[in-house]
């Protein structure tokens, strides 16, 4: 598998809090052993998503925020929507 390009992006993955800054916005990740909590401040989304840490979605998406959101939608479907509804109650 080819390494994703990070040209024109700022990526910091060495700590519990990870940062991705690219042309579409900013993605902050708080990573635990089980889950990653992704905070998006970007053109496609301003919000929070929870994913399973071992899924490595950000790396699989080539460090591209719209692709990250697409992979979350494909992999988690309505679970993300359900989590958001439960959090609002």
Protein backbone atom coordinates (compact mmCIF):
# COMPACT_ATOMS: atom_id res chain seq x y z
CA UNK A 1 0.00 0.00 0.00
CA UNK A 2 1.39 3.40 -0.95
CA UNK A 3 2.00 5.95 1.79
CA UNK A 4 -0.57 8.79 1.75
CA UNK A 5 0.74 12.17 0.72
CA UNK A 6 0.97 14.82 3.38
CA UNK A 7 2.24 17.53 1.03
CA UNK A 8 0.65 20.87 1.99
CA UNK A 9 -0.71 19.43 5.25
CA UNK A 10 0.32 19.63 8.88
CA UNK A 11 0.09 16.25 10.60
CA UNK A 12 0.99 15.49 14.22
CA UNK A 13 0.32 11.89 15.32
CA UNK A 14 2.82 11.28 18.10
CA UNK A 15 0.59 12.00 21.12
CA UNK A 16 -2.86 11.31 22.55
CA UNK A 17 -4.08 14.51 20.89
CA UNK A 18 -3.50 14.41 17.15
CA UNK A 19 -3.81 17.32 14.73
CA UNK A 20 -4.48 17.51 11.00
CA UNK A 21 -4.52 20.91 9.32
CA UNK A 22 -5.15 20.95 5.58
CA UNK A 23 -6.89 23.04 2.91
CA UNK A 24 -10.37 21.86 3.98
CA UNK A 25 -9.94 22.78 7.64
CA UNK A 26 -8.76 21.36 10.92
CA UNK A 27 -9.23 17.95 12.52
CA UNK A 28 -8.32 17.32 16.17
CA UNK A 29 -8.36 13.81 17.55
CA UNK A 30 -8.37 12.70 21.17
CA UNK A 31 -7.28 9.07 21.04
CA UNK A 32 -7.83 6.45 23.72
CA UNK A 33 -7.17 2.69 23.55
CA UNK A 34 -10.73 2.04 22.38
CA UNK A 35 -12.09 5.17 20.71
CA UNK A 36 -10.93 8.27 18.89
CA UNK A 37 -13.01 11.40 19.30
CA UNK A 38 -12.64 13.51 16.15
CA UNK A 39 -13.37 17.24 16.33
CA UNK A 40 -13.90 18.73 12.87
CA UNK A 41 -13.64 22.45 12.16
CA UNK A 42 -13.82 22.26 8.39
CA UNK A 43 -15.74 23.16 5.26
CA UNK A 44 -17.63 19.84 5.17
CA UNK A 45 -18.40 19.66 8.91
CA UNK A 46 -18.15 21.48 12.20
CA UNK A 47 -18.82 18.76 14.75
CA UNK A 48 -17.64 15.68 16.62
CA UNK A 49 -17.51 12.03 15.57
CA UNK A 50 -16.49 8.97 17.61
CA UNK A 51 -14.74 6.10 15.86
CA UNK A 52 -12.96 2.90 16.88
CA UNK A 53 -9.25 3.70 17.26
CA UNK A 54 -7.99 0.56 15.48
CA UNK A 55 -9.91 1.54 12.30
CA UNK A 56 -7.20 4.14 11.45
CA UNK A 57 -9.66 6.01 9.25
CA UNK A 58 -7.67 9.26 9.03
CA UNK A 59 -4.59 7.46 7.67
CA UNK A 60 -6.70 5.30 5.32
CA UNK A 61 -8.30 8.49 3.98
CA UNK A 62 -4.91 9.91 3.05
CA UNK A 63 -5.18 12.68 5.65
CA UNK A 64 -7.98 14.32 3.64
CA UNK A 65 -10.93 15.59 5.72
CA UNK A 66 -13.71 14.99 3.14
CA UNK A 67 -12.42 11.43 2.61
CA UNK A 68 -12.29 10.90 6.39
CA UNK A 69 -15.97 11.85 6.62
CA UNK A 70 -16.84 9.59 3.67
CA UNK A 71 -15.10 6.61 5.29
CA UNK A 72 -16.84 7.30 8.60
CA UNK A 73 -20.20 7.34 6.79
CA UNK A 74 -19.39 4.10 4.97
CA UNK A 75 -18.05 2.30 8.01
CA UNK A 76 -20.35 3.57 10.73
CA UNK A 77 -23.48 4.57 8.83
CA UNK A 78 -26.33 5.48 11.14
CA UNK A 79 -24.34 4.71 14.32
CA UNK A 80 -22.80 8.19 14.23
CA UNK A 81 -26.24 9.73 13.81
CA UNK A 82 -27.61 7.62 16.68
CA UNK A 83 -24.73 8.68 18.96
CA UNK A 84 -25.43 12.33 18.16
CA UNK A 85 -29.16 11.91 18.93
CA UNK A 86 -28.38 10.21 22.26
CA UNK A 87 -25.95 12.98 23.21
CA UNK A 88 -28.58 15.67 22.57
CA UNK A 89 -31.09 14.07 24.95
